[in-house]
Amino acid sequence: QVQVAESGGGLVQPGGSLRLSCAASGSTFSGNAAGWYRQRPGKMRVSLAGVTSHGTTSVDRSVKGRFSISVDYASNTMYLQMDNLKPDDTAVYYCQLYVIEVGDYWGQGTQVTVSS
């Protein structure tokens, strides 16, 4: 009954910004771990950013300084703010919620295309 869903992807020009949203139902980000992943065409899915059950956030070195993760616990929504986007950022972006002592849940993915 736990579900997560990403939104906010689309086409953006190099140097532009997007904010992805991840809405969860059936569980909460509070008290659980979560993160953002992306999968480039022909590549494996990789982790970009995460938040621990205590609210500590981190971003992968590959996107440090451009991407940031945050959680609005009141609305039970996690965000990925992406700035200074590059064509290499083109990928399907996924939200993951790890419910403690239950398991992990994934969204359907949202396409981000960076092109002029």
C-alpha atoms as a PDB file:
ATOM      1  CA  GLN A   1       0.000   0.000   0.000  1.00  0.00           C
ATOM      2  CA  VAL A   2       3.041   2.257   0.032  1.00  0.00           C
ATOM      3  CA  GLN A   3       3.311   4.341  -3.115  1.00  0.00           C
ATOM      4  CA  VAL A   4       5.658   7.038  -4.334  1.00  0.00           C
ATOM      5  CA  ALA A   5       5.327   9.158  -7.445  1.00  0.00           C
ATOM      6  CA  GLU A   6       7.730  11.583  -9.106  1.00  0.00           C
ATOM      7  CA  SER A   7       6.731  14.663 -11.036  1.00  0.00           C
ATOM      8  CA  GLY A   8       8.318  17.795 -12.451  1.00  0.00           C
ATOM      9  CA  GLY A   9      10.435  16.417 -15.258  1.00  0.00           C
ATOM     10  CA  GLY A  10      10.499  17.880 -18.719  1.00  0.00           C
ATOM     11  CA  LEU A  11      12.589  19.594 -21.355  1.00  0.00           C
ATOM     12  CA  VAL A  12      14.974  22.300 -20.218  1.00  0.00           C
ATOM     13  CA  GLN A  13      17.816  24.188 -21.870  1.00  0.00           C
ATOM     14  CA  PRO A  14      21.414  23.828 -20.683  1.00  0.00           C
ATOM     15  CA  GLY A  15      22.005  26.077 -17.701  1.00  0.00           C
ATOM     16  CA  GLY A  16      18.378  25.928 -16.684  1.00  0.00           C
ATOM     17  CA  SER A  17      16.774  24.558 -13.550  1.00  0.00           C
ATOM     18  CA  LEU A  18      14.126  22.046 -12.599  1.00  0.00           C
ATOM     19  CA  ARG A  19      12.652  20.958  -9.305  1.00  0.00           C
ATOM     20  CA  LEU A  20      11.455  17.383  -9.110  1.00  0.00           C
ATOM     21  CA  SER A  21       8.869  16.337  -6.568  1.00  0.00           C
ATOM     22  CA  CYS A  22       8.235  12.980  -4.947  1.00  0.00           C
ATOM     23  CA  ALA A  23       4.942  12.454  -3.186  1.00  0.00           C
ATOM     24  CA  ALA A  24       4.492   9.479  -0.891  1.00  0.00           C
ATOM     25  CA  SER A  25       1.364   7.773   0.332  1.00  0.00           C
ATOM     26  CA  GLY A  26       0.905   4.890   2.715  1.00  0.00           C
ATOM     27  CA  SER A  27       3.998   5.900   4.652  1.00  0.00           C
ATOM     28  CA  THR A  28       6.007   8.981   5.510  1.00  0.00           C
ATOM     29  CA  PHE A  29       9.423  10.387   4.802  1.00  0.00           C
ATOM     30  CA  SER A  30       9.602  11.169   8.484  1.00  0.00           C
ATOM     31  CA  GLY A  31      11.373   8.344  10.276  1.00  0.00           C
ATOM     32  CA  ASN A  32      12.398   6.661   7.032  1.00  0.00           C
ATOM     33  CA  ALA A  33      15.195   6.958   4.498  1.00  0.00           C
ATOM     34  CA  ALA A  34      14.723   8.168   0.951  1.00  0.00           C
ATOM     35  CA  GLY A  35      16.645   9.297  -2.069  1.00  0.00           C
ATOM     36  CA  TRP A  36      16.848  10.304  -5.693  1.00  0.00           C
ATOM     37  CA  TYR A  37      18.359   8.209  -8.464  1.00  0.00           C
ATOM     38  CA  ARG A  38      18.771   8.608 -12.185  1.00  0.00           C
ATOM     39  CA  GLN A  39      19.355   6.327 -15.123  1.00  0.00           C
ATOM     40  CA  ARG A  40      20.972   7.673 -18.276  1.00  0.00           C
ATOM     41  CA  PRO A  41      20.238   5.944 -21.575  1.00  0.00           C
ATOM     42  CA  GLY A  42      22.133   2.669 -21.743  1.00  0.00           C
ATOM     43  CA  LYS A  43      23.522   3.081 -18.217  1.00  0.00           C
ATOM     44  CA  MET A  44      22.823   1.650 -14.774  1.00  0.00           C
ATOM     45  CA  ARG A  45      20.675   3.450 -12.254  1.00  0.00           C
ATOM     46  CA  VAL A  46      22.813   5.477  -9.857  1.00  0.00           C
ATOM     47  CA  SER A  47      22.209   7.298  -6.618  1.00  0.00           C
ATOM     48  CA  LEU A  48      22.223  11.093  -6.665  1.00  0.00           C
ATOM     49  CA  ALA A  49      21.080  12.221  -3.253  1.00  0.00           C
ATOM     50  CA  GLY A  50      19.636  10.828  -0.072  1.00  0.00           C
ATOM     51  CA  VAL A  51      18.095  11.660   3.248  1.00  0.00           C
ATOM     52  CA  THR A  52      18.394   9.540   6.367  1.00  0.00           C
ATOM     53  CA  SER A  53      15.687   8.666   8.850  1.00  0.00           C
ATOM     54  CA  HIS A  54      17.053  11.462  11.017  1.00  0.00           C
ATOM     55  CA  GLY A  55      16.757  14.051   8.260  1.00  0.00           C
ATOM     56  CA  THR A  56      20.413  14.265   7.286  1.00  0.00           C
ATOM     57  CA  THR A  57      20.844  14.982   3.575  1.00  0.00           C
ATOM     58  CA  SER A  58      23.669  14.239   1.185  1.00  0.00           C
ATOM     59  CA  VAL A  59      24.378  14.521  -2.522  1.00  0.00           C
ATOM     60  CA  ASP A  60      26.697  12.550  -4.720  1.00  0.00           C
ATOM     61  CA  ARG A  61      29.954  14.216  -5.674  1.00  0.00           C
ATOM     62  CA  SER A  62      28.966  14.012  -9.338  1.00  0.00           C
ATOM     63  CA  VAL A  63      26.230  16.608  -8.806  1.00  0.00           C
ATOM     64  CA  LYS A  64      27.497  18.402  -5.712  1.00  0.00           C
ATOM     65  CA  GLY A  65      27.030  22.135  -6.015  1.00  0.00           C
ATOM     66  CA  ARG A  66      24.289  21.820  -8.625  1.00  0.00           C
ATOM     67  CA  PHE A  67      21.697  19.497  -7.065  1.00  0.00           C
ATOM     68  CA  SER A  68      20.178  19.542  -3.610  1.00  0.00           C
ATOM     69  CA  ILE A  69      17.677  17.352  -1.802  1.00  0.00           C
ATOM     70  CA  SER A  70      15.072  18.465   0.680  1.00  0.00           C
ATOM     71  CA  VAL A  71      11.953  17.146   2.374  1.00  0.00           C
ATOM     72  CA  ASP A  72       8.813  19.014   3.309  1.00  0.00           C
ATOM     73  CA  TYR A  73       7.628  16.803   6.128  1.00  0.00           C
ATOM     74  CA  ALA A  74       4.368  18.708   6.516  1.00  0.00           C
ATOM     75  CA  SER A  75       3.284  17.807   2.984  1.00  0.00           C
ATOM     76  CA  ASN A  76       5.162  14.480   2.917  1.00  0.00           C
ATOM     77  CA  THR A  77       6.976  15.540  -0.247  1.00  0.00           C
ATOM     78  CA  MET A  78      10.633  15.160  -1.175  1.00  0.00           C
ATOM     79  CA  TYR A  79      12.295  17.453  -3.691  1.00  0.00           C
ATOM     80  CA  LEU A  80      15.338  17.422  -5.913  1.00  0.00           C
ATOM     81  CA  GLN A  81      16.401  20.910  -6.926  1.00  0.00           C
ATOM     82  CA  MET A  82      18.527  20.793 -10.061  1.00  0.00           C
ATOM     83  CA  ASP A  83      20.406  23.906 -11.162  1.00  0.00           C
ATOM     84  CA  ASN A  84      22.828  24.608 -14.002  1.00  0.00           C
ATOM     85  CA  LEU A  85      21.598  21.581 -15.877  1.00  0.00           C
ATOM     86  CA  LYS A  86      23.808  20.016 -18.497  1.00  0.00           C
ATOM     87  CA  PRO A  87      22.998  17.746 -21.458  1.00  0.00           C
ATOM     88  CA  ASP A  88      24.667  14.893 -19.538  1.00  0.00           C
ATOM     89  CA  ASP A  89      21.937  15.241 -16.904  1.00  0.00           C
ATOM     90  CA  THR A  90      19.429  13.854 -19.393  1.00  0.00           C
ATOM     91  CA  ALA A  91      17.990  10.758 -17.741  1.00  0.00           C
ATOM     92  CA  VAL A  92      14.987   9.216 -16.101  1.00  0.00           C
ATOM     93  CA  TYR A  93      14.895  10.340 -12.482  1.00  0.00           C
ATOM     94  CA  TYR A  94      13.488   8.090  -9.773  1.00  0.00           C
ATOM     95  CA  CYS A  95      12.354   8.595  -6.212  1.00  0.00           C
ATOM     96  CA  GLN A  96      12.944   5.891  -3.618  1.00  0.00           C
ATOM     97  CA  LEU A  97      11.424   5.580  -0.165  1.00  0.00           C
ATOM     98  CA  TYR A  98      12.884   3.022   2.211  1.00  0.00           C
ATOM     99  CA  VAL A  99      10.382   2.210   4.914  1.00  0.00           C
ATOM    100  CA  ILE A 100      12.188   0.981   8.003  1.00  0.00           C
ATOM    101  CA  GLU A 101      11.609  -2.720   8.699  1.00  0.00           C
ATOM    102  CA  VAL A 102       9.366  -2.990   5.620  1.00  0.00           C
ATOM    103  CA  GLY A 103      11.302  -2.368   2.422  1.00  0.00           C
ATOM    104  CA  ASP A 104      11.946   0.065  -0.381  1.00  0.00           C
ATOM    105  CA  TYR A 105       9.502   1.538  -2.847  1.00  0.00           C
ATOM    106  CA  TRP A 106      10.158   3.224  -6.174  1.00  0.00           C
ATOM    107  CA  GLY A 107       8.288   5.713  -8.266  1.00  0.00           C
ATOM    108  CA  GLN A 108       7.624   5.291 -11.964  1.00  0.00           C
ATOM    109  CA  GLY A 109      10.318   7.757 -12.970  1.00  0.00           C
ATOM    110  CA  THR A 110      10.156  11.146 -14.614  1.00  0.00           C
ATOM    111  CA  GLN A 111      12.052  12.076 -17.761  1.00  0.00           C
ATOM    112  CA  VAL A 112      14.445  15.008 -17.690  1.00  0.00           C
ATOM    113  CA  THR A 113      15.837  16.126 -21.030  1.00  0.00           C
ATOM    114  CA  VAL A 114      18.449  18.872 -21.200  1.00  0.00           C
ATOM    115  CA  SER A 115      18.850  20.169 -24.719  1.00  0.00           C
ATOM    116  CA  SER A 116      19.104  23.412 -26.611  1.00  0.00           C
END
